[in-house]
C-alpha atoms as a PDB file:
ATOM      1  CA  MET A   1      31.761  30.325 -93.261  1.00  0.00           C
ATOM      2  CA  ARG A   2      31.327  33.929 -92.180  1.00  0.00           C
ATOM      3  CA  PHE A   3      31.487  37.061 -94.312  1.00  0.00           C
ATOM      4  CA  LEU A   4      31.870  40.174 -92.165  1.00  0.00           C
ATOM      5  CA  VAL A   5      31.638  43.572 -93.835  1.00  0.00           C
ATOM      6  CA  TRP A   6      32.437  46.898 -92.173  1.00  0.00           C
ATOM      7  CA  VAL A   7      30.099  49.709 -93.338  1.00  0.00           C
ATOM      8  CA  ASP A   8      30.026  53.396 -92.358  1.00  0.00           C
ATOM      9  CA  GLU A   9      26.951  55.557 -91.750  1.00  0.00           C
ATOM     10  CA  LEU A  10      26.727  56.341 -95.479  1.00  0.00           C
ATOM     11  CA  GLY A  11      26.695  52.676 -96.460  1.00  0.00           C
ATOM     12  CA  ARG A  12      30.277  52.704 -97.757  1.00  0.00           C
ATOM     13  CA  ILE A  13      32.268  49.540 -97.193  1.00  0.00           C
ATOM     14  CA  HIS A  14      35.656  50.042 -95.509  1.00  0.00           C
ATOM     15  CA  GLY A  15      36.715  46.424 -95.228  1.00  0.00           C
ATOM     16  CA  PHE A  16      35.713  42.800 -95.024  1.00  0.00           C
ATOM     17  CA  GLU A  17      36.703  39.507 -93.437  1.00  0.00           C
ATOM     18  CA  ILE A  18      36.074  35.952 -94.552  1.00  0.00           C
ATOM     19  CA  SER A  19      36.556  33.235 -91.946  1.00  0.00           C
ATOM     20  CA  GLY A  20      35.934  29.550 -91.533  1.00  0.00           C
ATOM     21  CA  HIS A  21      34.908  26.943 -94.053  1.00  0.00           C
ATOM     22  CA  ALA A  22      31.495  26.524 -95.619  1.00  0.00           C
ATOM     23  CA  GLY A  23      31.190  22.773 -95.095  1.00  0.00           C
ATOM     24  CA  TYR A  24      29.080  22.363 -98.223  1.00  0.00           C
ATOM     25  CA  ALA A  25      31.325  19.543 -99.471  1.00  0.00           C
ATOM     26  CA  GLU A  26      34.701  17.942 -98.814  1.00  0.00           C
ATOM     27  CA  ALA A  27      37.801  20.120 -98.909  1.00  0.00           C
ATOM     28  CA  GLY A  28      38.767  20.668-102.527  1.00  0.00           C
ATOM     29  CA  GLN A  29      35.182  20.029-103.677  1.00  0.00           C
ATOM     30  CA  ASP A  30      33.383  22.814-101.790  1.00  0.00           C
ATOM     31  CA  ILE A  31      31.961  25.176-104.417  1.00  0.00           C
ATOM     32  CA  VAL A  32      30.573  27.589-101.808  1.00  0.00           C
ATOM     33  CA  CYS A  33      34.009  28.022-100.244  1.00  0.00           C
ATOM     34  CA  ALA A  34      35.655  28.266-103.669  1.00  0.00           C
ATOM     35  CA  GLY A  35      33.190  30.899-104.883  1.00  0.00           C
ATOM     36  CA  VAL A  36      33.519  33.065-101.790  1.00  0.00           C
ATOM     37  CA  SER A  37      37.308  32.709-101.831  1.00  0.00           C
ATOM     38  CA  ALA A  38      37.555  33.643-105.503  1.00  0.00           C
ATOM     39  CA  LEU A  39      35.356  36.726-105.059  1.00  0.00           C
ATOM     40  CA  SER A  40      37.195  37.948-101.964  1.00  0.00           C
ATOM     41  CA  ILE A  41      40.702  37.404-103.364  1.00  0.00           C
ATOM     42  CA  ALA A  42      39.713  39.131-106.620  1.00  0.00           C
ATOM     43  CA  ALA A  43      38.340  42.085-104.632  1.00  0.00           C
ATOM     44  CA  ALA A  44      41.513  42.409-102.534  1.00  0.00           C
ATOM     45  CA  ASN A  45      43.685  42.168-105.664  1.00  0.00           C
ATOM     46  CA  GLY A  46      41.544  44.743-107.495  1.00  0.00           C
ATOM     47  CA  LEU A  47      41.774  47.199-104.611  1.00  0.00           C
ATOM     48  CA  GLU A  48      45.536  46.726-104.422  1.00  0.00           C
ATOM     49  CA  HIS A  49      45.856  47.337-108.160  1.00  0.00           C
ATOM     50  CA  PHE A  50      43.563  50.363-108.533  1.00  0.00           C
ATOM     51  CA  LEU A  51      44.043  52.337-105.315  1.00  0.00           C
ATOM     52  CA  SER A  52      47.014  54.623-104.674  1.00  0.00           C
ATOM     53  CA  ARG A  53      47.506  52.940-101.298  1.00  0.00           C
ATOM     54  CA  ALA A  54      47.159  49.170-101.023  1.00  0.00           C
ATOM     55  CA  PRO A  55      44.605  47.843 -98.529  1.00  0.00           C
ATOM     56  CA  GLN A  56      45.793  46.105 -95.384  1.00  0.00           C
ATOM     57  CA  VAL A  57      45.402  42.419 -96.218  1.00  0.00           C
ATOM     58  CA  ARG A  58      45.917  39.489 -93.873  1.00  0.00           C
ATOM     59  CA  GLU A  59      45.562  35.952 -95.134  1.00  0.00           C
ATOM     60  CA  GLU A  60      45.786  32.709 -93.194  1.00  0.00           C
ATOM     61  CA  GLU A  61      44.286  29.238 -93.528  1.00  0.00           C
ATOM     62  CA  GLY A  62      40.517  29.780 -93.547  1.00  0.00           C
ATOM     63  CA  PHE A  63      40.804  33.550 -93.069  1.00  0.00           C
ATOM     64  CA  LEU A  64      41.133  36.675 -95.224  1.00  0.00           C
ATOM     65  CA  SER A  65      40.899  40.247 -93.985  1.00  0.00           C
ATOM     66  CA  CYS A  66      41.021  43.342 -96.204  1.00  0.00           C
ATOM     67  CA  GLN A  67      40.785  46.836 -94.717  1.00  0.00           C
ATOM     68  CA  LEU A  68      41.039  50.211 -96.430  1.00  0.00           C
ATOM     69  CA  ALA A  69      43.118  52.841 -94.666  1.00  0.00           C
ATOM     70  CA  GLY A  70      44.642  56.171 -95.553  1.00  0.00           C
ATOM     71  CA  ILE A  71      42.804  56.774 -98.826  1.00  0.00           C
ATOM     72  CA  SER A  72      40.918  59.849 -99.949  1.00  0.00           C
ATOM     73  CA  ASP A  73      37.128  60.078 -99.983  1.00  0.00           C
ATOM     74  CA  GLN A  74      37.297  60.027-103.780  1.00  0.00           C
ATOM     75  CA  GLU A  75      39.231  56.730-103.785  1.00  0.00           C
ATOM     76  CA  LEU A  76      36.892  55.311-101.141  1.00  0.00           C
ATOM     77  CA  GLU A  77      33.985  56.052-103.482  1.00  0.00           C
ATOM     78  CA  GLN A  78      35.825  54.394-106.384  1.00  0.00           C
ATOM     79  CA  ALA A  79      36.589  51.344-104.210  1.00  0.00           C
ATOM     80  CA  GLN A  80      32.857  50.890-103.652  1.00  0.00           C
ATOM     81  CA  TRP A  81      32.436  49.478-107.172  1.00  0.00           C
ATOM     82  CA  ILE A  82      34.678  46.567-106.204  1.00  0.00           C
ATOM     83  CA  LEU A  83      33.461  46.193-102.620  1.00  0.00           C
ATOM     84  CA  GLN A  84      29.740  46.445-103.377  1.00  0.00           C
ATOM     85  CA  THR A  85      30.181  43.919-106.201  1.00  0.00           C
ATOM     86  CA  LEU A  86      31.901  41.569-103.738  1.00  0.00           C
ATOM     87  CA  LYS A  87      29.034  41.967-101.272  1.00  0.00           C
ATOM     88  CA  LEU A  88      26.442  41.389-103.992  1.00  0.00           C
ATOM     89  CA  GLY A  89      28.236  38.232-105.138  1.00  0.00           C
ATOM     90  CA  ILE A  90      28.429  36.853-101.589  1.00  0.00           C
ATOM     91  CA  GLU A  91      24.738  37.659-101.043  1.00  0.00           C
ATOM     92  CA  GLN A  92      23.863  35.750-104.219  1.00  0.00           C
ATOM     93  CA  ILE A  93      25.851  32.717-103.061  1.00  0.00           C
ATOM     94  CA  GLU A  94      24.046  32.878 -99.713  1.00  0.00           C
ATOM     95  CA  ALA A  95      20.680  33.150-101.491  1.00  0.00           C
ATOM     96  CA  VAL A  96      21.381  30.038-103.570  1.00  0.00           C
ATOM     97  CA  TYR A  97      23.082  27.819-100.975  1.00  0.00           C
ATOM     98  CA  GLY A  98      21.572  29.186 -97.768  1.00  0.00           C
ATOM     99  CA  PRO A  99      22.731  30.580 -94.456  1.00  0.00           C
ATOM    100  CA  ALA A 100      23.707  27.105 -93.259  1.00  0.00           C
ATOM    101  CA  TYR A 101      26.863  27.468 -95.375  1.00  0.00           C
ATOM    102  CA  ILE A 102      27.578  31.191 -95.293  1.00  0.00           C
ATOM    103  CA  LEU A 103      26.621  33.764 -92.686  1.00  0.00           C
ATOM    104  CA  ILE A 104      26.685  37.421 -93.716  1.00  0.00           C
ATOM    105  CA  ASP A 105      27.360  39.841 -90.886  1.00  0.00           C
ATOM    106  CA  GLN A 106      27.411  43.624 -91.286  1.00  0.00           C
ATOM    107  CA  ARG A 107      28.954  45.865 -88.633  1.00  0.00           C
ATOM    108  CA  ARG A 108      29.288  49.599 -88.238  1.00  0.00           C
ATOM    109  CA  TRP A 109      32.704  50.945 -89.177  1.00  0.00           C
ATOM    110  CA  THR A 110      33.972  53.804 -87.085  1.00  0.00           C
ATOM    111  CA  PRO A 111      37.295  55.560 -87.695  1.00  0.00           C
ATOM    112  CA  CYS A 112      39.962  55.046 -85.060  1.00  0.00           C
END
């Protein structure tokens, strides 16, 4: 499973993607996949609820993408509470279960 986070030069998260399956256990029994999925869906739902403009979310089997667009700097700062908590939670799962099951990848976000 891969967790990709898009971060700007100030360390602010602008979006994330979760892809693949962890392979820790059989489908329906995989606690790594379930934990990452729960955190990422909760983050996307929280952003949709609290921001004036909903994030761009795409969800498919084994894939979730959530990108912020068209929000003020103030709302971007507020969104960091949710997004940094998501990142911290994913990092903790990776620390416990190891990089064999979840790979964390951070890339530079640049505005279009």
